Every structure is written in C-alpha cells, then in structure tokens.
C-alpha atoms as a PDB file:
ATOM      1  CA  MET A   1      16.338 -62.847 -15.739  1.00  0.00           C
ATOM      2  CA  SER A   2      13.260 -63.419 -17.581  1.00  0.00           C
ATOM      3  CA  GLY A   3      13.417 -62.429 -21.237  1.00  0.00           C
ATOM      4  CA  THR A   4       9.460 -61.120 -20.690  1.00  0.00           C
ATOM      5  CA  SER A   5       8.720 -57.366 -20.398  1.00  0.00           C
ATOM      6  CA  LYS A   6       5.516 -56.244 -19.070  1.00  0.00           C
ATOM      7  CA  ALA A   7       3.535 -53.855 -20.930  1.00  0.00           C
ATOM      8  CA  ALA A   8       2.831 -50.949 -19.060  1.00  0.00           C
ATOM      9  CA  THR A   9      -0.985 -50.551 -19.441  1.00  0.00           C
ATOM     10  CA  THR A  10      -1.949 -46.617 -19.065  1.00  0.00           C
ATOM     11  CA  THR A  11      -5.675 -45.244 -18.821  1.00  0.00           C
ATOM     12  CA  LYS A  12      -6.196 -42.336 -19.885  1.00  0.00           C
ATOM     13  CA  THR A  13      -8.627 -40.252 -17.935  1.00  0.00           C
ATOM     14  CA  LEU A  14      -9.694 -36.979 -19.590  1.00  0.00           C
ATOM     15  CA  ARG A  15     -11.010 -34.493 -17.691  1.00  0.00           C
ATOM     16  CA  VAL A  16     -13.772 -32.778 -18.421  1.00  0.00           C
ATOM     17  CA  LYS A  17     -13.942 -29.110 -19.179  1.00  0.00           C
ATOM     18  CA  LYS A  18     -17.104 -27.870 -17.302  1.00  0.00           C
ATOM     19  CA  ALA A  19     -19.349 -24.789 -19.548  1.00  0.00           C
ATOM     20  CA  PHE A  20     -20.797 -21.938 -18.173  1.00  0.00           C
ATOM     21  CA  SER A  21     -23.491 -20.314 -18.970  1.00  0.00           C
ATOM     22  CA  LEU A  22     -21.951 -16.727 -17.413  1.00  0.00           C
ATOM     23  CA  ALA A  23     -18.946 -14.815 -20.219  1.00  0.00           C
ATOM     24  CA  GLY A  24     -15.508 -15.776 -18.683  1.00  0.00           C
ATOM     25  CA  GLN A  25     -17.144 -17.899 -15.374  1.00  0.00           C
ATOM     26  CA  LYS A  26     -14.215 -20.473 -14.755  1.00  0.00           C
ATOM     27  CA  TYR A  27     -15.681 -21.895 -11.237  1.00  0.00           C
ATOM     28  CA  ASP A  28     -18.412 -22.885  -9.686  1.00  0.00           C
ATOM     29  CA  PRO A  29     -19.777 -20.019  -7.036  1.00  0.00           C
ATOM     30  CA  PRO A  30     -18.501 -20.553  -3.604  1.00  0.00           C
ATOM     31  CA  GLU A  31     -20.841 -21.148  -0.891  1.00  0.00           C
ATOM     32  CA  GLU A  32     -22.157 -17.806   0.652  1.00  0.00           C
ATOM     33  CA  ARG A  33     -20.099 -17.920   4.007  1.00  0.00           C
ATOM     34  CA  GLU A  34     -16.936 -18.364   2.355  1.00  0.00           C
ATOM     35  CA  PRO A  35     -14.860 -16.169   3.751  1.00  0.00           C
ATOM     36  CA  VAL A  36     -13.436 -15.100   0.205  1.00  0.00           C
ATOM     37  CA  ARG A  37     -16.762 -14.190  -1.262  1.00  0.00           C
ATOM     38  CA  ILE A  38     -17.566 -11.906   1.443  1.00  0.00           C
ATOM     39  CA  PHE A  39     -14.415 -10.316   0.829  1.00  0.00           C
ATOM     40  CA  TYR A  40     -14.733  -9.512  -2.725  1.00  0.00           C
ATOM     41  CA  GLU A  41     -18.824  -8.576  -2.269  1.00  0.00           C
ATOM     42  CA  SER A  42     -17.989  -6.374  -0.097  1.00  0.00           C
ATOM     43  CA  LEU A  43     -15.166  -4.806  -2.241  1.00  0.00           C
ATOM     44  CA  SER A  44     -17.126  -4.627  -5.239  1.00  0.00           C
ATOM     45  CA  GLU A  45     -20.202  -2.563  -2.617  1.00  0.00           C
ATOM     46  CA  GLN A  46     -17.539  -0.352  -1.287  1.00  0.00           C
ATOM     47  CA  ILE A  47     -15.516   0.200  -3.999  1.00  0.00           C
ATOM     48  CA  PRO A  48     -18.215  -0.727  -7.312  1.00  0.00           C
ATOM     49  CA  SER A  49     -15.026   0.364  -9.613  1.00  0.00           C
ATOM     50  CA  SER A  50     -12.613  -2.271  -8.255  1.00  0.00           C
ATOM     51  CA  GLU A  51     -11.567  -4.119 -11.165  1.00  0.00           C
ATOM     52  CA  MET A  52      -9.982  -6.894  -8.913  1.00  0.00           C
ATOM     53  CA  ALA A  53     -13.725  -7.874  -7.354  1.00  0.00           C
ATOM     54  CA  GLU A  54     -15.281  -7.314 -10.673  1.00  0.00           C
ATOM     55  CA  PHE A  55     -13.361  -9.871 -12.192  1.00  0.00           C
ATOM     56  CA  TRP A  56     -12.976 -12.397  -9.303  1.00  0.00           C
ATOM     57  CA  MET A  57     -16.514 -12.147  -9.576  1.00  0.00           C
ATOM     58  CA  MET A  58     -17.169 -13.112 -12.943  1.00  0.00           C
ATOM     59  CA  GLU A  59     -14.975 -16.156 -13.431  1.00  0.00           C
ATOM     60  CA  HIS A  60     -17.199 -17.435  -9.952  1.00  0.00           C
ATOM     61  CA  GLY A  61     -20.212 -16.773 -11.509  1.00  0.00           C
ATOM     62  CA  LEU A  62     -21.464 -13.713  -9.110  1.00  0.00           C
ATOM     63  CA  LEU A  63     -22.829 -11.278 -11.924  1.00  0.00           C
ATOM     64  CA  SER A  64     -25.413 -10.535 -13.696  1.00  0.00           C
ATOM     65  CA  PRO A  65     -25.421 -11.589 -17.399  1.00  0.00           C
ATOM     66  CA  GLU A  66     -24.873  -8.103 -18.324  1.00  0.00           C
ATOM     67  CA  ARG A  67     -22.335  -6.786 -16.439  1.00  0.00           C
ATOM     68  CA  SER A  68     -20.600  -9.883 -16.571  1.00  0.00           C
ATOM     69  CA  LYS A  69     -20.229  -9.681 -20.494  1.00  0.00           C
ATOM     70  CA  LYS A  70     -18.893  -6.557 -19.815  1.00  0.00           C
ATOM     71  CA  ALA A  71     -16.381  -7.477 -17.505  1.00  0.00           C
ATOM     72  CA  TYR A  72     -14.650 -10.436 -19.883  1.00  0.00           C
ATOM     73  CA  GLU A  73     -14.862  -8.213 -22.531  1.00  0.00           C
ATOM     74  CA  LYS A  74     -12.733  -5.456 -20.264  1.00  0.00           C
ATOM     75  CA  LYS A  75     -10.518  -8.562 -18.780  1.00  0.00           C
ATOM     76  CA  GLN A  76     -10.135  -9.679 -22.736  1.00  0.00           C
ATOM     77  CA  ARG A  77      -8.985  -5.890 -23.724  1.00  0.00           C
ATOM     78  CA  LYS A  78      -6.440  -5.376 -20.645  1.00  0.00           C
ATOM     79  CA  GLN A  79      -4.825  -9.177 -21.004  1.00  0.00           C
ATOM     80  CA  LYS A  80      -4.401  -8.424 -24.818  1.00  0.00           C
ATOM     81  CA  MET A  81      -2.716  -4.761 -24.338  1.00  0.00           C
ATOM     82  CA  GLN A  82      -0.779  -6.713 -22.026  1.00  0.00           C
ATOM     83  CA  ARG A  83       1.016  -9.278 -24.645  1.00  0.00           C
ATOM     84  CA  MET A  84       1.224  -6.044 -26.618  1.00  0.00           C
ATOM     85  CA  GLY A  85       3.405  -4.702 -24.149  1.00  0.00           C
ATOM     86  CA  THR A  86       1.414  -1.624 -23.840  1.00  0.00           C
ATOM     87  CA  PRO A  87       1.257  -0.125 -20.648  1.00  0.00           C
ATOM     88  CA  ILE A  88      -2.411   0.735 -19.084  1.00  0.00           C
ATOM     89  CA  LYS A  89      -3.139   3.171 -16.442  1.00  0.00           C
ATOM     90  CA  SER A  90      -6.510   2.873 -14.736  1.00  0.00           C
ATOM     91  CA  PRO A  91      -8.299   6.545 -14.781  1.00  0.00           C
ATOM     92  CA  LYS A  92      -7.163   8.479 -12.230  1.00  0.00           C
ATOM     93  CA  THR A  93      -9.329  11.409 -10.515  1.00  0.00           C
ATOM     94  CA  PRO A  94      -8.054  14.791 -11.959  1.00  0.00           C
ATOM     95  CA  SER A  95      -6.214  16.538  -9.367  1.00  0.00           C
ATOM     96  CA  LYS A  96      -5.973  20.362  -8.059  1.00  0.00           C
ATOM     97  CA  PRO A  97      -2.981  21.339 -10.534  1.00  0.00           C
ATOM     98  CA  GLU A  98      -0.470  23.009  -8.838  1.00  0.00           C
ATOM     99  CA  SER A  99       0.727  26.958  -9.297  1.00  0.00           C
ATOM    100  CA  SER A 100       3.825  27.270 -11.076  1.00  0.00           C
ATOM    101  CA  SER A 101       4.669  29.437  -8.278  1.00  0.00           C
ATOM    102  CA  HIS A 102       4.098  27.340  -5.642  1.00  0.00           C
ATOM    103  CA  ARG A 103       6.062  24.699  -7.842  1.00  0.00           C
ATOM    104  CA  GLN A 104       9.050  27.066  -7.595  1.00  0.00           C
ATOM    105  CA  GLN A 105       9.155  27.970  -4.244  1.00  0.00           C
ATOM    106  CA  GLN A 106       9.218  23.958  -3.576  1.00  0.00           C
ATOM    107  CA  ALA A 107      11.858  23.703  -5.938  1.00  0.00           C
ATOM    108  CA  SER A 108      14.180  26.339  -3.899  1.00  0.00           C
ATOM    109  CA  SER A 109      13.610  24.889  -0.191  1.00  0.00           C
ATOM    110  CA  ASN A 110      14.539  21.169  -1.237  1.00  0.00           C
ATOM    111  CA  LYS A 111      17.253  22.398  -3.290  1.00  0.00           C
ATOM    112  CA  GLY A 112      18.767  23.662   0.617  1.00  0.00           C
ATOM    113  CA  ASP A 113      16.972  20.408   2.161  1.00  0.00           C
ATOM    114  CA  ILE A 114      19.406  18.393  -0.104  1.00  0.00           C
ATOM    115  CA  LYS A 115      22.743  19.843   0.773  1.00  0.00           C
ATOM    116  CA  SER A 116      21.736  19.717   4.910  1.00  0.00           C
ATOM    117  CA  LYS A 117      20.557  15.938   4.214  1.00  0.00           C
ATOM    118  CA  LYS A 118      23.745  14.620   2.867  1.00  0.00           C
ATOM    119  CA  ARG A 119      25.875  12.924   5.069  1.00  0.00           C
ATOM    120  CA  LEU A 120      29.693  13.724   5.803  1.00  0.00           C
ATOM    121  CA  VAL A 121      31.804  10.169   5.183  1.00  0.00           C
ATOM    122  CA  ASP A 122      34.679   9.468   6.804  1.00  0.00           C
ATOM    123  CA  ASP A 123      37.555   7.616   5.316  1.00  0.00           C
ATOM    124  CA  SER A 124      38.903   6.777   8.460  1.00  0.00           C
ATOM    125  CA  ASP A 125      38.825   2.699   9.828  1.00  0.00           C
ATOM    126  CA  ASP A 126      40.117   3.264  13.229  1.00  0.00           C
ATOM    127  CA  ASP A 127      37.779   3.172  15.778  1.00  0.00           C
ATOM    128  CA  ASP A 128      40.489   5.094  18.585  1.00  0.00           C
ATOM    129  CA  ASN A 129      37.699   7.777  18.539  1.00  0.00           C
ATOM    130  CA  LEU A 130      34.813   6.014  19.503  1.00  0.00           C
ATOM    131  CA  VAL A 131      33.735   6.813  23.076  1.00  0.00           C
ATOM    132  CA  LEU A 132      31.183   3.741  24.851  1.00  0.00           C
ATOM    133  CA  SER A 133      29.365   5.720  27.745  1.00  0.00           C
ATOM    134  CA  ALA A 134      29.648   3.765  30.840  1.00  0.00           C
ATOM    135  CA  LYS A 135      26.389   1.948  32.114  1.00  0.00           C
ATOM    136  CA  ARG A 136      24.859   2.777  35.264  1.00  0.00           C
ATOM    137  CA  LYS A 137      24.553  -0.032  38.034  1.00  0.00           C
ATOM    138  CA  LYS A 138      20.962  -0.204  39.634  1.00  0.00           C
ATOM    139  CA  GLY A 139      21.438  -0.355  43.239  1.00  0.00           C
END
C-alpha cells in the first residue's frame, strides 16, 4: 500500500436562479400545444374562480402583470394561513335554507331507517345451516 492519498478535487457548479419579470413566476412558459397548458387555460376559461388554474398560470408566466400580482399576493396569504394552522374555507355560493319543519320530518324519518338498516349479528360459527344451490348442467 502506498502512503500517498489522492486529493479529491471537486468543482462546484452553482445553479443560477432565473429572474422572471412577473410576480410569482417560477418556470418558463410551456409551449402552446403542451397538454398541461391547454388544460389549465381551458380550466381558467370555464371556471374563472379556479385558484388551481390561477396559481399554475401565474407560476408559468401566463397571466397579465396585474393579475399575476393579485394571484401572487393571494397565494402568499393562503400559504401564511396554512403555516399558522388556520383552516381556510373557500367562499361558497349561499344555498337555499331549509325550513325547520322539513328538517324535523327528515330527522324523524331517518330514525326509522337507521333501525331497519341495522344488521342482525349471528354469533354462531357453524356452517351447518348453509345451503348451497345445485348447479344446473347445460345439455
């Protein structure tokens, strides 16, 4: 064995982070015919309130500067709330409130349904009572 040791020469390559002009943009815009891009653009058109589409398009630089800034601020607020452990509810459209008499009728009818749906448990382990039907032979 030789007493000389090889010095390991390592060259570090630093990754230069790209700077984008739009707020919240992390990636280069995908090609126009990219399936993922088509999906999120059509989702944004069909459901303009979709946060998922808005955030994806913001991160890929497909929103206008004003809209990108609003989406970025919205995402920052949402992430901050998640870090704090505060549950976030998305705004829902108000539904038609049910009348109290309708609720009482449902509650009383549900009690009978629960009793009828209960399964009877048979504690016997023997299979003596099991009857198998005879298979028909095709002729």
